[in-house]
Amino acid sequence: MTSTDKQFMRQAIDLSIENVANGGGPFGAVIVRDGKVVATGVNRVTANNDPTAHAEVSAIRAACQKEGSFKLEGCTIYTSCEPCPMCLSAIYWAGLSRICFANTKQDAENINFGDKFIYEEIERPANKRSIPTEQFMRDEALEAFRNWEEKADKIEY
């Protein structure tokens, strides 16, 4: 951890504190490339009625738009709390190079922002999850996968 890391983490923490005062959740995130802020995000789940509007996802969306790319290699994300499963997945899909966080998932659990149940659900077979899950029409759906596989000008991700 460098003094620069501390500066960007302080910014993420400050965003989380300000966001609580502005009607959002207690989470903030900052994405940095080469010592410069690319984008920031805060949790606006209840404010925007959007369950995906977590700080990390919001920051990733803004950074990708700014960079004109769906990949953020070479970037670090500083987040006020350890990313939840959705945010962690988004971080991996976006290809960020480093994750730094302040509060832990246990700290979030302690104030009723727990995501342990999601980790548990992921481990269960689909037919044993708490939300009824059914698979059907696979043969028809495979057509899109075949078309993708054969597409010569696709952009891999």
N, C-alpha and C. Protein backbone atom coordinates (compact mmCIF):
# COMPACT_ATOMS: atom_id res chain seq x y z
N MET A 1 0.85 -1.17 0.00
CA MET A 1 0.00 0.00 0.00
C MET A 1 0.89 1.23 0.00
N THR A 2 0.67 2.10 -0.97
CA THR A 2 1.46 3.32 -1.09
C THR A 2 0.63 4.52 -0.64
N SER A 3 1.27 5.67 -0.57
CA SER A 3 0.52 6.88 -0.23
C SER A 3 -0.50 7.20 -1.31
N THR A 4 -0.19 6.86 -2.55
CA THR A 4 -1.15 7.06 -3.65
C THR A 4 -2.34 6.13 -3.47
N ASP A 5 -2.08 4.87 -3.09
CA ASP A 5 -3.18 3.95 -2.81
C ASP A 5 -4.08 4.52 -1.72
N LYS A 6 -3.47 5.04 -0.67
CA LYS A 6 -4.26 5.61 0.43
C LYS A 6 -5.10 6.79 -0.06
N GLN A 7 -4.56 7.60 -0.94
CA GLN A 7 -5.29 8.75 -1.48
C GLN A 7 -6.54 8.29 -2.22
N PHE A 8 -6.40 7.29 -3.08
CA PHE A 8 -7.55 6.81 -3.85
C PHE A 8 -8.55 6.06 -2.97
N MET A 9 -8.05 5.33 -1.97
CA MET A 9 -8.97 4.66 -1.06
C MET A 9 -9.73 5.69 -0.23
N ARG A 10 -9.06 6.74 0.19
CA ARG A 10 -9.74 7.81 0.92
C ARG A 10 -10.85 8.39 0.06
N GLN A 11 -10.61 8.55 -1.24
CA GLN A 11 -11.64 9.07 -2.14
C GLN A 11 -12.84 8.12 -2.19
N ALA A 12 -12.58 6.82 -2.28
CA ALA A 12 -13.68 5.85 -2.29
C ALA A 12 -14.46 5.89 -0.99
N ILE A 13 -13.75 6.00 0.13
CA ILE A 13 -14.41 6.08 1.43
C ILE A 13 -15.22 7.36 1.54
N ASP A 14 -14.64 8.48 1.11
CA ASP A 14 -15.36 9.76 1.13
C ASP A 14 -16.64 9.69 0.29
N LEU A 15 -16.54 9.05 -0.88
CA LEU A 15 -17.73 8.88 -1.72
C LEU A 15 -18.80 8.09 -0.99
N SER A 16 -18.39 7.05 -0.26
CA SER A 16 -19.37 6.22 0.46
C SER A 16 -20.06 7.02 1.56
N ILE A 17 -19.30 7.83 2.25
CA ILE A 17 -19.86 8.65 3.33
C ILE A 17 -20.81 9.71 2.76
N GLU A 18 -20.39 10.38 1.69
CA GLU A 18 -21.24 11.40 1.04
C GLU A 18 -22.51 10.78 0.49
N ASN A 19 -22.39 9.56 -0.04
CA ASN A 19 -23.54 8.91 -0.65
C ASN A 19 -24.63 8.60 0.37
N VAL A 20 -24.23 8.23 1.58
CA VAL A 20 -25.22 7.99 2.64
C VAL A 20 -26.00 9.28 2.90
N ALA A 21 -25.29 10.40 2.95
CA ALA A 21 -25.95 11.69 3.17
C ALA A 21 -26.86 12.08 2.01
N ASN A 22 -26.59 11.52 0.82
CA ASN A 22 -27.37 11.85 -0.37
C ASN A 22 -28.41 10.78 -0.72
N GLY A 23 -28.74 9.93 0.24
CA GLY A 23 -29.82 8.96 0.04
C GLY A 23 -29.41 7.65 -0.57
N GLY A 24 -28.11 7.39 -0.68
CA GLY A 24 -27.65 6.13 -1.26
C GLY A 24 -27.09 5.20 -0.20
N GLY A 25 -26.60 4.07 -0.66
CA GLY A 25 -25.99 3.09 0.24
C GLY A 25 -24.56 3.46 0.59
N PRO A 26 -23.99 2.84 1.63
CA PRO A 26 -22.68 3.22 2.15
C PRO A 26 -21.50 2.61 1.39
N PHE A 27 -21.49 2.80 0.08
CA PHE A 27 -20.45 2.21 -0.75
C PHE A 27 -19.99 3.19 -1.81
N GLY A 28 -18.67 3.24 -2.02
CA GLY A 28 -18.08 4.08 -3.06
C GLY A 28 -16.94 3.36 -3.74
N ALA A 29 -16.68 3.70 -4.99
CA ALA A 29 -15.60 3.06 -5.75
C ALA A 29 -14.93 4.06 -6.67
N VAL A 30 -13.64 3.85 -6.87
CA VAL A 30 -12.83 4.71 -7.74
C VAL A 30 -11.99 3.79 -8.63
N ILE A 31 -12.01 4.04 -9.92
CA ILE A 31 -11.18 3.29 -10.86
C ILE A 31 -10.06 4.20 -11.35
N VAL A 32 -8.84 3.68 -11.27
CA VAL A 32 -7.64 4.47 -11.55
C VAL A 32 -6.78 3.75 -12.58
N ARG A 33 -6.23 4.54 -13.51
CA ARG A 33 -5.25 4.04 -14.47
C ARG A 33 -4.07 5.02 -14.49
N ASP A 34 -2.89 4.50 -14.31
CA ASP A 34 -1.66 5.32 -14.37
C ASP A 34 -1.74 6.53 -13.45
N GLY A 35 -2.27 6.34 -12.25
CA GLY A 35 -2.31 7.40 -11.26
C GLY A 35 -3.37 8.46 -11.48
N LYS A 36 -4.29 8.22 -12.43
CA LYS A 36 -5.37 9.18 -12.71
C LYS A 36 -6.72 8.49 -12.58
N VAL A 37 -7.67 9.22 -12.00
CA VAL A 37 -9.02 8.68 -11.85
C VAL A 37 -9.68 8.59 -13.22
N VAL A 38 -10.13 7.40 -13.56
CA VAL A 38 -10.88 7.18 -14.80
C VAL A 38 -12.36 7.42 -14.54
N ALA A 39 -12.87 6.88 -13.42
CA ALA A 39 -14.29 7.02 -13.10
C ALA A 39 -14.52 6.69 -11.64
N THR A 40 -15.67 7.14 -11.15
CA THR A 40 -16.09 6.83 -9.79
C THR A 40 -17.52 6.30 -9.83
N GLY A 41 -17.92 5.69 -8.73
CA GLY A 41 -19.29 5.22 -8.63
C GLY A 41 -19.70 5.11 -7.18
N VAL A 42 -20.98 5.23 -6.95
CA VAL A 42 -21.55 5.06 -5.62
C VAL A 42 -22.77 4.15 -5.72
N ASN A 43 -23.20 3.62 -4.59
CA ASN A 43 -24.34 2.72 -4.55
C ASN A 43 -25.63 3.53 -4.62
N ARG A 44 -26.42 3.29 -5.67
CA ARG A 44 -27.69 3.99 -5.87
C ARG A 44 -28.83 2.99 -6.03
N VAL A 45 -28.71 1.83 -5.39
CA VAL A 45 -29.71 0.77 -5.52
C VAL A 45 -31.10 1.29 -5.18
N THR A 46 -31.29 1.81 -3.97
CA THR A 46 -32.62 2.25 -3.56
C THR A 46 -32.98 3.60 -4.17
N ALA A 47 -32.00 4.46 -4.35
CA ALA A 47 -32.28 5.77 -4.93
C ALA A 47 -32.75 5.66 -6.38
N ASN A 48 -32.21 4.68 -7.13
CA ASN A 48 -32.56 4.52 -8.54
C ASN A 48 -33.47 3.33 -8.80
N ASN A 49 -33.86 2.61 -7.73
CA ASN A 49 -34.64 1.38 -7.90
C ASN A 49 -33.96 0.44 -8.90
N ASP A 50 -32.66 0.25 -8.70
CA ASP A 50 -31.86 -0.58 -9.60
C ASP A 50 -30.96 -1.48 -8.76
N PRO A 51 -31.31 -2.76 -8.64
CA PRO A 51 -30.52 -3.66 -7.79
C PRO A 51 -29.09 -3.87 -8.29
N THR A 52 -28.79 -3.46 -9.52
CA THR A 52 -27.43 -3.60 -10.04
C THR A 52 -26.59 -2.33 -9.87
N ALA A 53 -27.16 -1.30 -9.29
CA ALA A 53 -26.47 -0.01 -9.18
C ALA A 53 -25.54 0.04 -7.98
N HIS A 54 -24.69 -0.98 -7.85
CA HIS A 54 -23.67 -0.99 -6.81
C HIS A 54 -22.54 -0.06 -7.22
N ALA A 55 -21.77 0.40 -6.26
CA ALA A 55 -20.70 1.36 -6.53
C ALA A 55 -19.71 0.84 -7.57
N GLU A 56 -19.28 -0.41 -7.42
CA GLU A 56 -18.29 -0.96 -8.35
C GLU A 56 -18.85 -1.08 -9.76
N VAL A 57 -20.07 -1.58 -9.88
CA VAL A 57 -20.69 -1.73 -11.20
C VAL A 57 -20.89 -0.35 -11.83
N SER A 58 -21.33 0.62 -11.05
CA SER A 58 -21.52 1.98 -11.57
C SER A 58 -20.20 2.57 -12.05
N ALA A 59 -19.13 2.36 -11.28
CA ALA A 59 -17.81 2.86 -11.67
C ALA A 59 -17.31 2.16 -12.93
N ILE A 60 -17.53 0.86 -13.02
CA ILE A 60 -17.11 0.11 -14.21
C ILE A 60 -17.85 0.60 -15.44
N ARG A 61 -19.15 0.80 -15.31
CA ARG A 61 -19.94 1.30 -16.46
C ARG A 61 -19.40 2.65 -16.92
N ALA A 62 -19.16 3.55 -15.97
CA ALA A 62 -18.67 4.89 -16.32
C ALA A 62 -17.27 4.81 -16.93
N ALA A 63 -16.41 3.98 -16.38
CA ALA A 63 -15.04 3.85 -16.89
C ALA A 63 -15.03 3.28 -18.31
N CYS A 64 -15.85 2.27 -18.54
CA CYS A 64 -15.91 1.67 -19.87
C CYS A 64 -16.42 2.67 -20.91
N GLN A 65 -17.42 3.45 -20.53
CA GLN A 65 -17.92 4.47 -21.44
C GLN A 65 -16.83 5.50 -21.74
N LYS A 66 -16.15 5.95 -20.73
CA LYS A 66 -15.09 6.95 -20.89
C LYS A 66 -13.94 6.40 -21.73
N GLU A 67 -13.56 5.15 -21.48
CA GLU A 67 -12.44 4.54 -22.19
C GLU A 67 -12.82 4.03 -23.58
N GLY A 68 -14.12 3.91 -23.83
CA GLY A 68 -14.57 3.37 -25.12
C GLY A 68 -14.21 1.91 -25.29
N SER A 69 -14.24 1.16 -24.19
CA SER A 69 -13.86 -0.24 -24.22
C SER A 69 -14.60 -0.99 -23.11
N PHE A 70 -14.83 -2.28 -23.33
CA PHE A 70 -15.43 -3.11 -22.28
C PHE A 70 -14.35 -3.77 -21.43
N LYS A 71 -13.10 -3.47 -21.70
CA LYS A 71 -11.98 -4.02 -20.93
C LYS A 71 -11.24 -2.89 -20.23
N LEU A 72 -10.87 -3.13 -18.98
CA LEU A 72 -10.19 -2.12 -18.17
C LEU A 72 -8.85 -2.65 -17.65
N GLU A 73 -8.13 -3.38 -18.50
CA GLU A 73 -6.81 -3.88 -18.10
C GLU A 73 -5.93 -2.70 -17.74
N GLY A 74 -5.09 -2.91 -16.75
CA GLY A 74 -4.19 -1.85 -16.32
C GLY A 74 -4.81 -0.91 -15.30
N CYS A 75 -6.08 -1.14 -14.97
CA CYS A 75 -6.77 -0.28 -13.99
C CYS A 75 -6.83 -0.96 -12.63
N THR A 76 -6.87 -0.14 -11.61
CA THR A 76 -7.10 -0.58 -10.24
C THR A 76 -8.44 -0.04 -9.79
N ILE A 77 -9.21 -0.86 -9.08
CA ILE A 77 -10.44 -0.38 -8.46
C ILE A 77 -10.21 -0.29 -6.96
N TYR A 78 -10.51 0.87 -6.41
CA TYR A 78 -10.49 1.11 -4.97
C TYR A 78 -11.93 1.18 -4.54
N THR A 79 -12.32 0.32 -3.62
CA THR A 79 -13.71 0.28 -3.20
C THR A 79 -13.80 0.29 -1.68
N SER A 80 -14.79 0.98 -1.19
CA SER A 80 -14.91 1.16 0.25
C SER A 80 -15.25 -0.13 0.98
N CYS A 81 -15.66 -1.16 0.23
CA CYS A 81 -16.01 -2.44 0.85
C CYS A 81 -15.64 -3.58 -0.09
N GLU A 82 -15.31 -4.70 0.47
CA GLU A 82 -15.02 -5.90 -0.31
C GLU A 82 -16.17 -6.16 -1.28
N PRO A 83 -15.89 -6.35 -2.55
CA PRO A 83 -16.96 -6.51 -3.54
C PRO A 83 -17.84 -7.73 -3.29
N CYS A 84 -19.14 -7.54 -3.53
CA CYS A 84 -20.10 -8.64 -3.45
C CYS A 84 -19.90 -9.56 -4.67
N PRO A 85 -20.58 -10.69 -4.73
CA PRO A 85 -20.40 -11.60 -5.87
C PRO A 85 -20.68 -10.95 -7.23
N MET A 86 -21.71 -10.12 -7.32
CA MET A 86 -22.03 -9.47 -8.59
C MET A 86 -20.91 -8.52 -8.99
N CYS A 87 -20.45 -7.71 -8.04
CA CYS A 87 -19.40 -6.74 -8.34
C CYS A 87 -18.08 -7.43 -8.65
N LEU A 88 -17.78 -8.47 -7.90
CA LEU A 88 -16.55 -9.21 -8.16
C LEU A 88 -16.58 -9.82 -9.56
N SER A 89 -17.72 -10.34 -9.95
CA SER A 89 -17.87 -10.88 -11.30
C SER A 89 -17.67 -9.78 -12.34
N ALA A 90 -18.27 -8.62 -12.13
CA ALA A 90 -18.12 -7.51 -13.07
C ALA A 90 -16.66 -7.07 -13.17
N ILE A 91 -15.97 -7.06 -12.04
CA ILE A 91 -14.55 -6.69 -12.03
C ILE A 91 -13.75 -7.67 -12.89
N TYR A 92 -14.02 -8.96 -12.73
CA TYR A 92 -13.32 -9.95 -13.54
C TYR A 92 -13.69 -9.83 -15.02
N TRP A 93 -14.98 -9.66 -15.31
CA TRP A 93 -15.40 -9.53 -16.71
C TRP A 93 -14.76 -8.30 -17.35
N ALA A 94 -14.60 -7.22 -16.59
CA ALA A 94 -14.01 -5.99 -17.14
C ALA A 94 -12.49 -6.09 -17.23
N GLY A 95 -11.90 -7.09 -16.61
CA GLY A 95 -10.46 -7.29 -16.73
C GLY A 95 -9.61 -6.33 -15.93
N LEU A 96 -10.17 -5.77 -14.86
CA LEU A 96 -9.36 -4.89 -14.02
C LEU A 96 -8.15 -5.65 -13.51
N SER A 97 -7.05 -4.94 -13.29
CA SER A 97 -5.80 -5.59 -12.93
C SER A 97 -5.57 -5.72 -11.43
N ARG A 98 -6.30 -4.94 -10.64
CA ARG A 98 -6.06 -4.94 -9.19
C ARG A 98 -7.32 -4.49 -8.46
N ILE A 99 -7.56 -5.10 -7.29
CA ILE A 99 -8.69 -4.75 -6.43
C ILE A 99 -8.15 -4.36 -5.07
N CYS A 100 -8.56 -3.19 -4.57
CA CYS A 100 -8.22 -2.75 -3.22
C CYS A 100 -9.52 -2.41 -2.52
N PHE A 101 -9.70 -2.90 -1.28
CA PHE A 101 -10.94 -2.60 -0.56
C PHE A 101 -10.64 -2.27 0.88
N ALA A 102 -11.59 -1.59 1.53
CA ALA A 102 -11.45 -1.16 2.93
C ALA A 102 -12.27 -2.07 3.84
N ASN A 103 -13.58 -1.86 3.94
CA ASN A 103 -14.43 -2.71 4.78
C ASN A 103 -14.47 -4.12 4.21
N THR A 104 -14.69 -5.09 5.09
CA THR A 104 -14.78 -6.49 4.66
C THR A 104 -16.23 -6.89 4.42
N LYS A 105 -16.42 -8.06 3.81
CA LYS A 105 -17.78 -8.55 3.62
C LYS A 105 -18.43 -8.85 4.97
N GLN A 106 -17.64 -9.19 5.97
CA GLN A 106 -18.20 -9.39 7.32
C GLN A 106 -18.68 -8.06 7.90
N ASP A 107 -17.94 -6.97 7.66
CA ASP A 107 -18.39 -5.65 8.10
C ASP A 107 -19.75 -5.32 7.47
N ALA A 108 -19.89 -5.64 6.18
CA ALA A 108 -21.16 -5.40 5.49
C ALA A 108 -22.26 -6.28 6.07
N GLU A 109 -21.93 -7.53 6.33
CA GLU A 109 -22.89 -8.45 6.95
C GLU A 109 -23.39 -7.91 8.28
N ASN A 110 -22.49 -7.29 9.03
CA ASN A 110 -22.83 -6.77 10.36
C ASN A 110 -23.86 -5.64 10.31
N ILE A 111 -24.00 -4.97 9.15
CA ILE A 111 -25.02 -3.92 9.02
C ILE A 111 -26.11 -4.33 8.02
N ASN A 112 -26.29 -5.65 7.89
CA ASN A 112 -27.36 -6.24 7.06
C ASN A 112 -27.18 -6.05 5.56
N PHE A 113 -25.94 -5.98 5.10
CA PHE A 113 -25.64 -5.99 3.67
C PHE A 113 -24.92 -7.29 3.33
N GLY A 114 -25.45 -8.39 3.82
CA GLY A 114 -24.79 -9.67 3.64
C GLY A 114 -25.04 -10.27 2.29
N ASP A 115 -24.05 -10.98 1.78
CA ASP A 115 -24.21 -11.67 0.51
C ASP A 115 -23.81 -13.14 0.61
N LYS A 116 -23.66 -13.61 1.83
CA LYS A 116 -23.29 -15.01 2.06
C LYS A 116 -24.28 -15.95 1.39
N PHE A 117 -25.56 -15.60 1.44
CA PHE A 117 -26.59 -16.47 0.84
C PHE A 117 -26.37 -16.65 -0.66
N ILE A 118 -25.82 -15.64 -1.33
CA ILE A 118 -25.59 -15.76 -2.78
C ILE A 118 -24.46 -16.76 -3.03
N TYR A 119 -23.38 -16.64 -2.26
CA TYR A 119 -22.31 -17.63 -2.39
C TYR A 119 -22.84 -19.03 -2.18
N GLU A 120 -23.72 -19.21 -1.20
CA GLU A 120 -24.30 -20.52 -0.92
C GLU A 120 -25.19 -20.99 -2.07
N GLU A 121 -25.97 -20.09 -2.64
CA GLU A 121 -26.85 -20.44 -3.76
C GLU A 121 -26.04 -20.87 -4.98
N ILE A 122 -24.95 -20.20 -5.26
CA ILE A 122 -24.11 -20.52 -6.41
C ILE A 122 -23.61 -21.96 -6.31
N GLU A 123 -23.31 -22.41 -5.12
CA GLU A 123 -22.78 -23.76 -4.90
C GLU A 123 -23.84 -24.85 -5.06
N ARG A 124 -25.11 -24.48 -4.93
CA ARG A 124 -26.18 -25.49 -5.04
C ARG A 124 -26.45 -25.83 -6.50
N PRO A 125 -26.87 -27.08 -6.77
CA PRO A 125 -27.34 -27.39 -8.12
C PRO A 125 -28.55 -26.50 -8.44
N ALA A 126 -28.72 -26.17 -9.70
CA ALA A 126 -29.79 -25.25 -10.10
C ALA A 126 -31.15 -25.65 -9.54
N ASN A 127 -31.46 -26.94 -9.54
CA ASN A 127 -32.78 -27.38 -9.07
C ASN A 127 -32.92 -27.39 -7.55
N LYS A 128 -31.89 -27.01 -6.83
CA LYS A 128 -31.94 -26.96 -5.37
C LYS A 128 -31.87 -25.53 -4.83
N ARG A 129 -31.87 -24.54 -5.70
CA ARG A 129 -31.76 -23.15 -5.28
C ARG A 129 -33.09 -22.64 -4.76
N SER A 130 -33.04 -21.56 -3.98
CA SER A 130 -34.25 -21.04 -3.35
C SER A 130 -35.21 -20.40 -4.36
N ILE A 131 -34.70 -19.93 -5.49
CA ILE A 131 -35.57 -19.45 -6.57
C ILE A 131 -35.75 -20.61 -7.53
N PRO A 132 -36.99 -21.05 -7.76
CA PRO A 132 -37.20 -22.17 -8.67
C PRO A 132 -36.53 -21.90 -10.02
N THR A 133 -35.76 -22.86 -10.48
CA THR A 133 -34.99 -22.71 -11.72
C THR A 133 -35.26 -23.90 -12.61
N GLU A 134 -35.61 -23.62 -13.87
CA GLU A 134 -35.92 -24.68 -14.83
C GLU A 134 -35.13 -24.45 -16.11
N GLN A 135 -34.69 -25.52 -16.72
CA GLN A 135 -34.04 -25.43 -18.02
C GLN A 135 -34.92 -26.10 -19.06
N PHE A 136 -35.11 -25.43 -20.21
CA PHE A 136 -35.82 -26.04 -21.31
C PHE A 136 -35.49 -25.30 -22.60
N MET A 137 -35.76 -25.91 -23.75
CA MET A 137 -35.55 -25.39 -25.10
C MET A 137 -34.07 -25.17 -25.43
N ARG A 138 -33.22 -25.99 -24.85
CA ARG A 138 -31.78 -25.87 -25.08
C ARG A 138 -31.44 -26.04 -26.56
N ASP A 139 -32.04 -27.02 -27.23
CA ASP A 139 -31.71 -27.27 -28.64
C ASP A 139 -31.94 -26.02 -29.49
N GLU A 140 -33.05 -25.32 -29.25
CA GLU A 140 -33.33 -24.10 -30.00
C GLU A 140 -32.34 -22.99 -29.64
N ALA A 141 -32.02 -22.88 -28.36
CA ALA A 141 -31.12 -21.82 -27.90
C ALA A 141 -29.69 -22.01 -28.40
N LEU A 142 -29.29 -23.24 -28.64
CA LEU A 142 -27.94 -23.51 -29.13
C LEU A 142 -27.66 -22.88 -30.49
N GLU A 143 -28.71 -22.55 -31.24
CA GLU A 143 -28.51 -21.92 -32.55
C GLU A 143 -27.71 -20.63 -32.43
N ALA A 144 -28.02 -19.81 -31.44
CA ALA A 144 -27.27 -18.56 -31.24
C ALA A 144 -25.80 -18.86 -30.94
N PHE A 145 -25.53 -19.88 -30.16
CA PHE A 145 -24.15 -20.25 -29.84
C PHE A 145 -23.41 -20.73 -31.09
N ARG A 146 -24.10 -21.53 -31.93
CA ARG A 146 -23.48 -21.99 -33.18
C ARG A 146 -23.19 -20.79 -34.09
N ASN A 147 -24.15 -19.88 -34.18
CA ASN A 147 -23.96 -18.69 -35.01
C ASN A 147 -22.78 -17.87 -34.51
N TRP A 148 -22.67 -17.73 -33.20
CA TRP A 148 -21.54 -16.98 -32.62
C TRP A 148 -20.21 -17.66 -32.94
N GLU A 149 -20.20 -18.98 -32.76
CA GLU A 149 -18.97 -19.73 -32.98
C GLU A 149 -18.49 -19.61 -34.44
N GLU A 150 -19.43 -19.53 -35.37
CA GLU A 150 -19.10 -19.44 -36.79
C GLU A 150 -18.87 -18.02 -37.27
N LYS A 151 -19.23 -17.03 -36.48
CA LYS A 151 -19.13 -15.63 -36.89
C LYS A 151 -17.67 -15.23 -37.05
N ALA A 152 -17.30 -14.78 -38.23
CA ALA A 152 -15.90 -14.45 -38.53
C ALA A 152 -15.47 -13.11 -37.92
N ASP A 153 -16.39 -12.17 -37.82
CA ASP A 153 -16.03 -10.82 -37.38
C ASP A 153 -16.43 -10.52 -35.94
N LYS A 154 -16.55 -11.56 -35.11
CA LYS A 154 -16.96 -11.36 -33.73
C LYS A 154 -15.82 -10.70 -32.94
N ILE A 155 -16.22 -9.98 -31.90
CA ILE A 155 -15.26 -9.39 -30.97
C ILE A 155 -15.26 -10.28 -29.74
N GLU A 156 -14.16 -10.98 -29.53
CA GLU A 156 -14.05 -11.90 -28.39
C GLU A 156 -14.03 -11.14 -27.09
N TYR A 157 -14.61 -11.72 -26.08
CA TYR A 157 -14.49 -11.21 -24.73
C TYR A 157 -14.49 -12.35 -23.79
